[in-house]
Every structure is written in C-alpha cells, then in structure tokens.
Amino acid sequence: MDSVSHNANVAGDVIQRLHSALKELLPAMVADGGGAEFVSYNDGVATFKLLGTCDFCPSRQLSAMALKQGIEDRVPEVADVRVLFPAFSQRGALAAPP
C-alpha cells in the first residue's frame, strides 16, 4: 500500500470515529432542541456546525466547548476541533474562538 492510500485509510478511519463520537454526544444537545453536524476533517482539524437552538442559545459557547472536549476525548488523533455558528457566519463571525 502506498503512502497516499495509507493516509486516505487513516483519514477515513478518523472520520468514521468522528461520526461515532458525534452520535454519542448528540442526545444531550438534542434534548435541549439543538444539535450538531460533522462538516469536514482536513490536516488533523475536525469541523462541526451547531444546529437548532444550539446555534442561537446564549450558552452556545458552552455547547461548543462541550462538543470540542467530547470529540477530543473520544478521537485523540484530532489536533483541533472547530465549531461553526451558522447564524453568526452570516454576520461575519465564523467559528468559536479556540
């Protein structure tokens, strides 16, 4: 197997684990009327988008931090987790601060 194929397999495994981790974390978010979805995984950075009331909630920073921590705990290969706030991206703020 060449290095490109190996890297693609590794990235595919990480993406699958990111989806599984999100599935574990979603019930708490959905219980409050919110949610999140996987957007991308590139160069060790996983990106998620808040959905529903999580996007508008005054506690959205806490939701973003909990999502970030939950993903990092479950998928330690991820170097960084970014959380997008779609409602605010229309106003120019694209992501939660690190």
C-alpha atoms as a PDB file:
ATOM      1  CA  MET A   1       0.000   0.000   0.000  1.00  0.00           C
ATOM      2  CA  ASP A   2       1.442   3.379  -0.948  1.00  0.00           C
ATOM      3  CA  SER A   3       1.516   6.318   1.474  1.00  0.00           C
ATOM      4  CA  VAL A   4      -1.371   8.126  -0.240  1.00  0.00           C
ATOM      5  CA  SER A   5      -3.638   5.083   0.147  1.00  0.00           C
ATOM      6  CA  HIS A   6      -2.500   4.610   3.740  1.00  0.00           C
ATOM      7  CA  ASN A   7      -3.190   8.263   4.583  1.00  0.00           C
ATOM      8  CA  ALA A   8      -6.637   8.024   2.971  1.00  0.00           C
ATOM      9  CA  ASN A   9      -7.405   4.903   5.019  1.00  0.00           C
ATOM     10  CA  VAL A  10      -6.268   6.595   8.226  1.00  0.00           C
ATOM     11  CA  ALA A  11      -8.325   9.708   7.464  1.00  0.00           C
ATOM     12  CA  GLY A  12     -11.327   7.519   6.634  1.00  0.00           C
ATOM     13  CA  ASP A  13     -10.983   5.730   9.982  1.00  0.00           C
ATOM     14  CA  VAL A  14     -10.739   9.047  11.850  1.00  0.00           C
ATOM     15  CA  ILE A  15     -13.809  10.376  10.038  1.00  0.00           C
ATOM     16  CA  GLN A  16     -15.760   7.256  10.944  1.00  0.00           C
ATOM     17  CA  ARG A  17     -14.728   7.668  14.591  1.00  0.00           C
ATOM     18  CA  LEU A  18     -15.702  11.363  14.482  1.00  0.00           C
ATOM     19  CA  HIS A  19     -19.187  10.394  13.304  1.00  0.00           C
ATOM     20  CA  SER A  20     -19.427   7.794  16.093  1.00  0.00           C
ATOM     21  CA  ALA A  21     -18.275  10.306  18.711  1.00  0.00           C
ATOM     22  CA  LEU A  22     -20.817  12.864  17.500  1.00  0.00           C
ATOM     23  CA  LYS A  23     -23.547  10.221  17.680  1.00  0.00           C
ATOM     24  CA  GLU A  24     -22.652   9.684  21.365  1.00  0.00           C
ATOM     25  CA  LEU A  25     -22.703  13.412  22.120  1.00  0.00           C
ATOM     26  CA  LEU A  26     -25.880  14.356  20.228  1.00  0.00           C
ATOM     27  CA  PRO A  27     -28.545  13.141  22.693  1.00  0.00           C
ATOM     28  CA  ALA A  28     -27.671  15.840  25.233  1.00  0.00           C
ATOM     29  CA  MET A  29     -27.766  18.526  22.548  1.00  0.00           C
ATOM     30  CA  VAL A  30     -30.997  17.242  21.002  1.00  0.00           C
ATOM     31  CA  ALA A  31     -32.648  17.145  24.440  1.00  0.00           C
ATOM     32  CA  ASP A  32     -32.265  20.932  24.528  1.00  0.00           C
ATOM     33  CA  GLY A  33     -33.565  21.405  20.988  1.00  0.00           C
ATOM     34  CA  GLY A  34     -30.159  21.709  19.391  1.00  0.00           C
ATOM     35  CA  GLY A  35     -27.695  19.553  17.596  1.00  0.00           C
ATOM     36  CA  ALA A  36     -24.527  19.486  15.563  1.00  0.00           C
ATOM     37  CA  GLU A  37     -23.310  18.019  12.309  1.00  0.00           C
ATOM     38  CA  PHE A  38     -19.939  16.941  11.010  1.00  0.00           C
ATOM     39  CA  VAL A  39     -18.613  19.294   8.325  1.00  0.00           C
ATOM     40  CA  SER A  40     -15.076  18.175   7.478  1.00  0.00           C
ATOM     41  CA  TYR A  41     -11.780  16.669   8.564  1.00  0.00           C
ATOM     42  CA  ASN A  42      -8.611  18.067   6.998  1.00  0.00           C
ATOM     43  CA  ASP A  43      -4.998  18.073   8.179  1.00  0.00           C
ATOM     44  CA  GLY A  44      -5.957  16.957  11.687  1.00  0.00           C
ATOM     45  CA  VAL A  45      -8.710  19.566  12.100  1.00  0.00           C
ATOM     46  CA  ALA A  46     -12.296  18.388  12.582  1.00  0.00           C
ATOM     47  CA  THR A  47     -15.040  20.921  11.902  1.00  0.00           C
ATOM     48  CA  PHE A  48     -18.608  20.728  13.180  1.00  0.00           C
ATOM     49  CA  LYS A  49     -21.596  23.037  12.825  1.00  0.00           C
ATOM     50  CA  LEU A  50     -24.095  23.786  15.591  1.00  0.00           C
ATOM     51  CA  LEU A  51     -27.744  23.303  14.650  1.00  0.00           C
ATOM     52  CA  GLY A  52     -31.142  24.254  16.014  1.00  0.00           C
ATOM     53  CA  THR A  53     -31.310  26.143  19.270  1.00  0.00           C
ATOM     54  CA  CYS A  54     -27.623  25.436  19.983  1.00  0.00           C
ATOM     55  CA  ASP A  55     -26.787  27.921  17.236  1.00  0.00           C
ATOM     56  CA  PHE A  56     -28.821  30.698  18.879  1.00  0.00           C
ATOM     57  CA  CYS A  57     -28.561  29.778  22.569  1.00  0.00           C
ATOM     58  CA  PRO A  58     -26.872  32.257  24.912  1.00  0.00           C
ATOM     59  CA  SER A  59     -24.878  29.249  26.170  1.00  0.00           C
ATOM     60  CA  ARG A  60     -23.642  28.300  22.690  1.00  0.00           C
ATOM     61  CA  GLN A  61     -20.013  28.810  23.759  1.00  0.00           C
ATOM     62  CA  LEU A  62     -20.527  26.167  26.459  1.00  0.00           C
ATOM     63  CA  SER A  63     -22.123  23.833  23.904  1.00  0.00           C
ATOM     64  CA  ALA A  64     -19.181  24.391  21.568  1.00  0.00           C
ATOM     65  CA  MET A  65     -16.665  23.741  24.354  1.00  0.00           C
ATOM     66  CA  ALA A  66     -18.506  20.565  25.435  1.00  0.00           C
ATOM     67  CA  LEU A  67     -18.614  19.324  21.830  1.00  0.00           C
ATOM     68  CA  LYS A  68     -14.913  20.129  21.356  1.00  0.00           C
ATOM     69  CA  GLN A  69     -13.922  18.365  24.590  1.00  0.00           C
ATOM     70  CA  GLY A  70     -16.136  15.365  23.844  1.00  0.00           C
ATOM     71  CA  ILE A  71     -14.606  14.905  20.394  1.00  0.00           C
ATOM     72  CA  GLU A  72     -11.039  15.374  21.670  1.00  0.00           C
ATOM     73  CA  ASP A  73     -11.632  12.792  24.421  1.00  0.00           C
ATOM     74  CA  ARG A  74     -13.061  10.226  22.001  1.00  0.00           C
ATOM     75  CA  VAL A  75     -10.763  10.829  18.993  1.00  0.00           C
ATOM     76  CA  PRO A  76      -7.342  11.872  20.339  1.00  0.00           C
ATOM     77  CA  GLU A  77      -5.748  11.846  16.870  1.00  0.00           C
ATOM     78  CA  VAL A  78      -7.600  15.065  16.085  1.00  0.00           C
ATOM     79  CA  ALA A  79      -5.268  18.024  16.538  1.00  0.00           C
ATOM     80  CA  ASP A  80      -8.054  20.623  16.743  1.00  0.00           C
ATOM     81  CA  VAL A  81     -11.844  20.809  16.771  1.00  0.00           C
ATOM     82  CA  ARG A  82     -13.570  23.841  15.301  1.00  0.00           C
ATOM     83  CA  VAL A  83     -17.231  24.619  15.836  1.00  0.00           C
ATOM     84  CA  LEU A  84     -19.121  26.843  13.417  1.00  0.00           C
ATOM     85  CA  PHE A  85     -22.077  29.001  14.378  1.00  0.00           C
ATOM     86  CA  PRO A  86     -24.130  29.292  11.151  1.00  0.00           C
ATOM     87  CA  ALA A  87     -26.359  32.126  12.382  1.00  0.00           C
ATOM     88  CA  PHE A  88     -23.314  34.232  13.131  1.00  0.00           C
ATOM     89  CA  SER A  89     -21.423  33.264   9.967  1.00  0.00           C
ATOM     90  CA  GLN A  90     -23.941  35.364   8.081  1.00  0.00           C
ATOM     91  CA  ARG A  91     -22.791  38.325  10.205  1.00  0.00           C
ATOM     92  CA  GLY A  92     -19.069  37.621   9.786  1.00  0.00           C
ATOM     93  CA  ALA A  93     -18.128  35.539  12.854  1.00  0.00           C
ATOM     94  CA  LEU A  94     -17.368  32.052  11.550  1.00  0.00           C
ATOM     95  CA  ALA A  95     -16.221  29.971  14.467  1.00  0.00           C
ATOM     96  CA  ALA A  96     -15.862  29.718  18.182  1.00  0.00           C
ATOM     97  CA  PRO A  97     -12.574  31.089  19.457  1.00  0.00           C
ATOM     98  CA  PRO A  98     -10.010  28.404  20.323  1.00  0.00           C
END
